[in-house]
């Protein structure tokens, strides 16, 4: 069973092309077609990424642990293998989470 979580951190320059839907647990990215593509431009404009859950900027470290890590730690104690893979920008709090 693989679960994927996203934690959205505050940003000074949050992109207008990025949309976070906390209710549907999804992140969408829109990149408008470039005029350089010509009249017939089949380049993709929209990408949607579903997650098990999207945690917002107000989510504290304890809530991240309870939501993401606690179930994995509990299953490891029951004898199952478990892995948590944290990916993100340097200094974004992966080690802390």
Protein backbone atom coordinates (compact mmCIF):
# COMPACT_ATOMS: atom_id res chain seq x y z
CA UNK A 1 0.00 0.00 0.00
CA UNK A 2 1.62 3.25 -1.15
CA UNK A 3 0.43 6.59 0.12
CA UNK A 4 1.70 9.94 -1.13
CA UNK A 5 1.46 13.10 0.94
CA UNK A 6 2.28 16.69 0.02
CA UNK A 7 3.03 19.44 2.48
CA UNK A 8 2.60 22.93 1.08
CA UNK A 9 4.87 25.43 2.76
CA UNK A 10 4.43 29.20 2.69
CA UNK A 11 6.22 31.06 -0.07
CA UNK A 12 6.97 34.71 -0.68
CA UNK A 13 6.43 34.21 -4.41
CA UNK A 14 3.65 31.61 -4.73
CA UNK A 15 3.11 30.88 -8.42
CA UNK A 16 -0.21 31.89 -9.95
CA UNK A 17 0.13 28.78 -12.14
CA UNK A 18 -0.07 26.48 -9.13
CA UNK A 19 -3.41 25.57 -7.54
CA UNK A 20 -3.68 23.56 -4.34
CA UNK A 21 -7.02 21.86 -3.66
CA UNK A 22 -7.00 20.79 -0.02
CA UNK A 23 -10.53 19.36 -0.17
CA UNK A 24 -9.76 17.00 -3.08
CA UNK A 25 -6.14 16.44 -2.00
CA UNK A 26 -4.66 17.52 -5.32
CA UNK A 27 -2.16 19.95 -6.77
CA UNK A 28 -2.67 21.36 -10.26
CA UNK A 29 -0.23 23.16 -12.49
CA UNK A 30 -1.23 25.32 -15.46
CA UNK A 31 1.31 26.55 -17.99
CA UNK A 32 -0.31 28.63 -20.75
CA UNK A 33 0.59 27.76 -24.33
CA UNK A 34 3.38 29.82 -25.74
CA UNK A 35 2.88 31.86 -28.90
CA UNK A 36 6.18 30.40 -30.06
CA UNK A 37 4.35 27.08 -30.50
CA UNK A 38 2.55 28.43 -33.56
CA UNK A 39 -1.09 28.17 -34.62
CA UNK A 40 -1.28 24.43 -34.11
CA UNK A 41 0.08 23.96 -30.64
CA UNK A 42 -0.66 20.62 -29.03
CA UNK A 43 1.48 21.24 -25.97
CA UNK A 44 -0.13 20.36 -22.69
CA UNK A 45 -1.37 23.20 -20.48
CA UNK A 46 -2.65 21.42 -17.38
CA UNK A 47 -1.22 18.79 -15.06
CA UNK A 48 -3.06 17.41 -12.02
CA UNK A 49 -1.37 15.45 -9.25
CA UNK A 50 -3.56 13.57 -6.77
CA UNK A 51 -2.29 12.81 -3.27
CA UNK A 52 -3.46 10.74 -0.35
CA UNK A 53 -3.60 14.03 1.54
CA UNK A 54 -2.31 17.56 1.08
CA UNK A 55 -1.17 19.25 4.29
CA UNK A 56 -1.29 23.04 4.36
CA UNK A 57 1.20 25.55 5.70
CA UNK A 58 -0.54 25.72 9.09
CA UNK A 59 0.03 22.00 9.75
CA UNK A 60 2.49 21.65 12.63
CA UNK A 61 5.23 19.04 12.94
CA UNK A 62 3.25 16.89 15.37
CA UNK A 63 0.30 16.71 12.97
CA UNK A 64 2.64 15.76 10.11
CA UNK A 65 4.07 12.95 12.23
CA UNK A 66 0.65 11.70 13.31
CA UNK A 67 -0.70 11.77 9.76
CA UNK A 68 2.29 10.46 7.82
CA UNK A 69 4.78 8.68 10.07
CA UNK A 70 2.77 7.21 12.94
CA UNK A 71 0.91 4.63 10.77
CA UNK A 72 4.23 3.53 9.24
CA UNK A 73 5.94 3.28 12.63
CA UNK A 74 3.00 1.31 14.07
CA UNK A 75 3.04 -1.17 11.18
CA UNK A 76 6.81 -1.63 11.54
CA UNK A 77 6.27 -2.54 15.20
CA UNK A 78 3.74 -5.13 14.02
CA UNK A 79 6.41 -6.73 11.80
CA UNK A 80 5.75 -5.10 8.44
CA UNK A 81 8.33 -3.24 6.35
CA UNK A 82 7.86 0.50 6.11
CA UNK A 83 9.60 3.35 4.31
CA UNK A 84 9.16 7.09 4.43
CA UNK A 85 10.74 8.93 1.53
CA UNK A 86 10.97 12.70 2.02
CA UNK A 87 11.70 14.84 -1.01
CA UNK A 88 11.90 18.60 -1.22
CA UNK A 89 13.97 21.73 -1.34
CA UNK A 90 17.02 22.03 0.89
CA UNK A 91 16.05 23.61 4.20
CA UNK A 92 12.33 22.91 3.81
CA UNK A 93 12.04 20.81 6.98
CA UNK A 94 12.29 17.23 5.73
CA UNK A 95 14.56 16.09 8.55
CA UNK A 96 12.36 17.80 11.12
CA UNK A 97 9.19 16.22 9.75
